Amino acid sequence: MRLQGKRALITGGGRGIGRAYVERFLREGARVVIGDIDRENAQATVEEFASLGEVSFRYLDVTDPHSVSDGVAGTVRTLGGLDVLVNNAALLAEWDRHDESYENLQRVFEVNLHSLWLMTRAAAPHLIASGAGRVINQASTAAYSYGYRARDDFPGLSSFSYAQSKRGVVGLTKFCAGQLGNWNVTVNAIAPGVVRTAALDGLPDEQLAQIEAMQAVKGAIQPEDLTGIVVYFASDEARFTTGQVVVVDGGRVMPA
């Protein structure tokens, strides 16, 4: 019960990795609010995990400043305060990899990067009031990928939007860690590799197998494999750990 009594808001907690975070936080003794735009999956998650502890759902559009403010304020009213913010919500399966428009780039940045700033700004006063606030951001090993397939003709500058947005999360994590450390609020990030969730349903099994074969530790990474480091970041044990990005990808990417 490493998170006994902790009050947590987890965005995008209705499915995938976020859902695994919700379950683990509850098992560790936290009280959890799921902030999500997906009402159906979030409500189903609440119902499934209700026996594990106090968990509720609040509609939250992380790209809308008013929804963010209302969502954080409502969470604080429900929980009586806020100790942990997990910025998990992101676009991946919904991202059109063939859309190189500026509008697509803006949308991916809006969801995957700028929303983290909105959420952290809204939550910061409450995290400071807790005396031991924690912010945990969801980055990705895509932040460290700059691969380009050479070709004879120049097709135009790729938007490369998902990887750009996740590299931005790495920088934002360190910026916020410096901004909030004076008030005992730590800010860290986890960078998963290819995790077996519904977001990857469109990828052929052969492609996933090729990626997993490139890992030092072979095998399919499951959402549950990420929860240990997230619990550590949220716990009192991590009070002097801030501005850090931990990669969980079986050793496929090993940034210095």
Protein backbone atom coordinates (compact mmCIF):
# COMPACT_ATOMS: atom_id res chain seq x y z
CA MET A 1 0.00 0.00 0.00
CA ARG A 2 2.67 2.49 -1.07
CA LEU A 3 0.07 5.12 -2.04
CA GLN A 4 -2.18 4.80 1.01
CA GLY A 5 -4.40 7.88 1.25
CA LYS A 6 -2.97 9.56 -1.85
CA ARG A 7 -5.48 11.51 -3.93
CA ALA A 8 -4.85 11.05 -7.65
CA LEU A 9 -6.22 12.35 -10.94
CA ILE A 10 -5.39 10.13 -13.92
CA THR A 11 -6.25 11.44 -17.38
CA GLY A 12 -7.19 8.95 -20.07
CA GLY A 13 -7.71 6.32 -17.40
CA GLY A 14 -10.61 4.58 -19.09
CA ARG A 15 -8.56 2.22 -21.23
CA GLY A 16 -5.11 1.00 -22.16
CA ILE A 17 -2.13 2.10 -20.10
CA GLY A 18 -4.22 4.61 -18.13
CA ARG A 19 -6.60 1.86 -17.06
CA ALA A 20 -3.66 -0.18 -15.76
CA TYR A 21 -2.50 2.87 -13.78
CA VAL A 22 -5.95 3.24 -12.22
CA GLU A 23 -6.04 -0.39 -11.11
CA ARG A 24 -2.52 -0.31 -9.65
CA PHE A 25 -3.11 3.00 -7.83
CA LEU A 26 -6.25 1.59 -6.22
CA ARG A 27 -4.44 -1.59 -5.18
CA GLU A 28 -1.74 0.60 -3.62
CA GLY A 29 -4.31 2.46 -1.50
CA ALA A 30 -4.88 5.64 -3.54
CA ARG A 31 -8.20 7.34 -4.12
CA VAL A 32 -8.62 7.98 -7.84
CA VAL A 33 -10.57 10.19 -10.20
CA ILE A 34 -10.46 9.24 -13.87
CA GLY A 35 -10.45 12.33 -16.08
CA ASP A 36 -11.49 11.25 -19.56
CA ILE A 37 -13.34 12.32 -22.70
CA ASP A 38 -14.41 8.70 -23.25
CA ARG A 39 -17.43 8.37 -20.98
CA GLU A 40 -18.26 4.77 -21.88
CA ASN A 41 -14.86 3.23 -21.19
CA ALA A 42 -14.24 5.39 -18.13
CA GLN A 43 -17.56 4.42 -16.54
CA ALA A 44 -16.90 0.77 -17.30
CA THR A 45 -13.49 1.05 -15.60
CA VAL A 46 -15.06 2.66 -12.53
CA GLU A 47 -17.60 -0.15 -12.27
CA GLU A 48 -14.99 -2.86 -12.72
CA PHE A 49 -12.59 -1.49 -10.10
CA ALA A 50 -15.09 -0.13 -7.56
CA SER A 51 -14.40 -3.04 -5.22
CA LEU A 52 -10.71 -2.10 -5.03
CA GLY A 53 -11.21 1.34 -3.51
CA GLU A 54 -12.60 4.82 -4.07
CA VAL A 55 -12.72 5.58 -7.80
CA SER A 56 -14.92 7.91 -9.81
CA PHE A 57 -15.17 9.43 -13.27
CA ARG A 58 -15.19 13.07 -14.31
CA TYR A 59 -15.59 14.19 -17.90
CA LEU A 60 -12.44 16.05 -18.91
CA ASP A 61 -11.27 17.38 -22.26
CA VAL A 62 -7.57 17.98 -21.68
CA THR A 63 -7.36 20.38 -24.66
CA ASP A 64 -10.06 22.73 -23.36
CA PRO A 65 -8.82 25.19 -20.69
CA HIS A 66 -12.30 25.57 -19.19
CA SER A 67 -12.83 21.80 -19.03
CA VAL A 68 -9.40 21.39 -17.46
CA SER A 69 -10.09 24.01 -14.79
CA ASP A 70 -13.51 22.55 -14.02
CA GLY A 71 -12.15 19.01 -14.02
CA VAL A 72 -9.34 19.75 -11.59
CA ALA A 73 -11.62 21.80 -9.32
CA GLY A 74 -14.22 19.03 -9.32
CA THR A 75 -11.58 16.44 -8.54
CA VAL A 76 -10.37 18.49 -5.58
CA ARG A 77 -13.92 18.76 -4.29
CA THR A 78 -14.43 15.00 -4.65
CA LEU A 79 -11.14 13.97 -3.04
CA GLY A 80 -10.65 16.87 -0.65
CA GLY A 81 -7.39 17.81 -2.31
CA LEU A 82 -4.89 16.52 -4.85
CA ASP A 83 -1.55 14.78 -4.35
CA VAL A 84 -0.84 13.14 -7.71
CA LEU A 85 -1.53 14.14 -11.31
CA VAL A 86 -0.89 11.53 -14.01
CA ASN A 87 -0.94 13.12 -17.46
CA ASN A 88 -1.63 9.98 -19.49
CA ALA A 89 -4.18 11.08 -22.12
CA ALA A 90 -2.74 11.16 -25.65
CA LEU A 91 -3.41 10.51 -29.32
CA LEU A 92 -1.92 7.46 -30.97
CA ALA A 93 -4.48 5.14 -32.54
CA GLU A 94 -6.46 8.19 -33.64
CA TRP A 95 -3.42 9.72 -35.32
CA ASP A 96 -3.44 9.56 -39.14
CA ARG A 97 0.16 8.73 -39.95
CA HIS A 98 -0.37 9.72 -43.59
CA ASP A 99 -1.73 13.19 -42.83
CA GLU A 100 1.19 15.60 -43.22
CA SER A 101 -0.94 18.74 -42.83
CA TYR A 102 -0.11 21.50 -40.39
CA GLU A 103 -3.58 21.06 -38.88
CA ASN A 104 -2.76 17.45 -38.00
CA LEU A 105 0.49 18.51 -36.39
CA GLN A 106 -1.34 21.14 -34.35
CA ARG A 107 -3.93 18.63 -33.14
CA VAL A 108 -1.34 16.07 -32.06
CA PHE A 109 0.62 18.75 -30.20
CA GLU A 110 -2.57 20.07 -28.63
CA VAL A 111 -3.46 16.68 -27.15
CA ASN A 112 -0.04 15.13 -26.49
CA LEU A 113 1.91 18.16 -25.27
CA HIS A 114 0.03 21.39 -24.66
CA SER A 115 -2.64 19.60 -22.62
CA LEU A 116 0.04 18.54 -20.13
CA TRP A 117 0.91 22.18 -19.54
CA LEU A 118 -2.78 23.05 -19.09
CA MET A 119 -3.30 20.21 -16.64
CA THR A 120 -0.15 20.92 -14.65
CA ARG A 121 -0.92 24.63 -14.45
CA ALA A 122 -4.43 23.95 -13.14
CA ALA A 123 -3.29 21.29 -10.66
CA ALA A 124 -0.15 23.05 -9.38
CA PRO A 125 -1.76 25.11 -6.57
CA HIS A 126 -3.44 22.00 -5.16
CA LEU A 127 -0.29 19.89 -5.50
CA ILE A 128 1.65 22.58 -3.64
CA ALA A 129 -1.01 22.64 -0.92
CA SER A 130 -0.60 18.87 -0.44
CA GLY A 131 3.01 19.38 0.63
CA ALA A 132 4.27 16.47 -1.47
CA GLY A 133 2.73 16.88 -4.91
CA ARG A 134 3.59 14.60 -7.81
CA VAL A 135 3.20 15.07 -11.57
CA ILE A 136 3.83 12.07 -13.82
CA ASN A 137 3.84 12.62 -17.58
CA GLN A 138 3.49 10.06 -20.32
CA ALA A 139 6.30 10.39 -22.84
CA SER A 140 7.36 7.68 -25.31
CA THR A 141 10.46 6.11 -26.79
CA ALA A 142 9.28 7.80 -29.99
CA ALA A 143 10.88 10.90 -28.45
CA TYR A 144 14.27 9.31 -29.19
CA SER A 145 13.48 8.11 -32.71
CA TYR A 146 14.66 10.14 -35.70
CA GLY A 147 14.60 7.48 -38.38
CA TYR A 148 14.07 8.56 -41.98
CA ARG A 149 13.66 6.36 -45.02
CA ALA A 150 15.90 7.64 -47.80
CA ARG A 151 14.36 8.13 -51.25
CA ASP A 152 15.42 9.78 -54.48
CA ASP A 153 12.73 12.47 -54.57
CA PHE A 154 12.07 14.91 -51.76
CA PRO A 155 8.46 14.46 -50.61
CA GLY A 156 8.39 17.54 -48.38
CA LEU A 157 9.25 17.97 -44.73
CA SER A 158 7.44 15.33 -42.71
CA SER A 159 5.26 16.51 -39.83
CA PHE A 160 6.67 13.63 -37.69
CA SER A 161 4.10 14.91 -35.24
CA TYR A 162 3.78 12.09 -32.69
CA ALA A 163 7.51 11.82 -32.09
CA GLN A 164 7.87 15.61 -31.94
CA SER A 165 5.09 15.88 -29.38
CA LYS A 166 6.61 13.22 -27.15
CA ARG A 167 10.04 14.84 -27.34
CA GLY A 168 8.26 17.99 -26.18
CA VAL A 169 6.91 16.06 -23.18
CA VAL A 170 10.49 15.27 -22.17
CA GLY A 171 11.40 18.97 -22.28
CA LEU A 172 8.20 20.07 -20.54
CA THR A 173 8.82 17.56 -17.74
CA LYS A 174 12.20 19.08 -16.98
CA PHE A 175 10.85 22.64 -17.26
CA CYS A 176 8.02 21.96 -14.81
CA ALA A 177 10.35 20.09 -12.45
CA GLY A 178 12.49 23.22 -12.21
CA GLN A 179 9.47 25.46 -11.77
CA LEU A 180 7.75 23.45 -9.02
CA GLY A 181 10.58 21.86 -7.05
CA ASN A 182 10.80 24.75 -4.58
CA TRP A 183 7.34 23.71 -3.31
CA ASN A 184 8.19 20.00 -2.98
CA VAL A 185 6.34 19.09 -6.17
CA THR A 186 8.23 16.57 -8.28
CA VAL A 187 7.67 16.15 -12.01
CA ASN A 188 8.83 13.03 -13.85
CA ALA A 189 7.97 11.08 -16.98
CA ILE A 190 7.77 7.51 -18.15
CA ALA A 191 8.67 6.69 -21.76
CA PRO A 192 7.12 3.37 -22.79
CA GLY A 193 8.19 1.40 -25.80
CA VAL A 194 5.68 -0.54 -27.88
CA VAL A 195 3.03 -1.62 -25.39
CA ARG A 196 0.37 -4.17 -26.31
CA THR A 197 -2.84 -2.14 -26.11
CA ALA A 198 -5.79 -1.61 -28.43
CA ALA A 199 -3.95 1.42 -29.84
CA LEU A 200 -1.75 -1.02 -31.78
CA ASP A 201 -4.59 -3.06 -33.27
CA GLY A 202 -3.86 -1.62 -36.72
CA LEU A 203 -0.26 -2.85 -36.79
CA PRO A 204 0.47 -6.28 -38.32
CA ASP A 205 1.68 -8.95 -35.92
CA GLU A 206 4.82 -9.31 -38.03
CA GLN A 207 5.72 -5.66 -37.48
CA LEU A 208 5.19 -5.93 -33.73
CA ALA A 209 7.30 -9.07 -33.65
CA GLN A 210 10.12 -7.27 -35.49
CA ILE A 211 10.04 -4.42 -32.96
CA GLU A 212 10.05 -6.80 -30.00
CA ALA A 213 12.95 -8.74 -31.53
CA MET A 214 15.03 -5.53 -31.34
CA GLN A 215 14.63 -5.40 -27.55
CA ALA A 216 17.46 -6.54 -25.30
CA VAL A 217 14.83 -8.24 -23.14
CA LYS A 218 12.51 -10.01 -25.57
CA GLY A 219 8.76 -10.22 -25.23
CA ALA A 220 5.57 -8.22 -25.46
CA ILE A 221 5.35 -5.27 -23.06
CA GLN A 222 2.00 -5.12 -21.28
CA PRO A 223 0.41 -2.03 -19.64
CA GLU A 224 1.00 -3.63 -16.23
CA ASP A 225 4.74 -3.57 -16.88
CA LEU A 226 4.68 0.24 -16.61
CA THR A 227 2.86 0.54 -13.32
CA GLY A 228 5.77 -0.12 -10.98
CA ILE A 229 7.73 2.97 -11.99
CA VAL A 230 4.59 5.13 -11.99
CA VAL A 231 3.83 4.05 -8.41
CA TYR A 232 7.40 4.87 -7.43
CA PHE A 233 7.17 8.35 -8.93
CA ALA A 234 3.88 8.92 -7.06
CA SER A 235 5.15 7.63 -3.72
CA ASP A 236 6.91 9.33 -0.83
CA GLU A 237 10.03 7.34 -1.74
CA ALA A 238 10.53 9.60 -4.76
CA ARG A 239 10.66 12.92 -2.93
CA PHE A 240 14.12 13.72 -4.31
CA THR A 241 13.52 12.27 -7.77
CA THR A 242 12.48 14.96 -10.23
CA GLY A 243 13.01 15.95 -13.85
CA GLN A 244 13.68 12.31 -14.78
CA VAL A 245 12.49 10.25 -17.73
CA VAL A 246 12.49 6.47 -17.28
CA VAL A 247 12.33 4.33 -20.41
CA VAL A 248 10.45 1.04 -20.16
CA ASP A 249 10.93 -0.73 -23.48
CA GLY A 250 12.96 -3.87 -22.86
CA GLY A 251 16.17 -2.09 -23.79
CA ARG A 252 15.35 -1.27 -27.41
CA VAL A 253 16.19 2.40 -26.86
CA MET A 254 18.81 3.33 -24.28
CA PRO A 255 19.16 7.13 -24.20
CA ALA A 256 22.08 8.48 -22.22
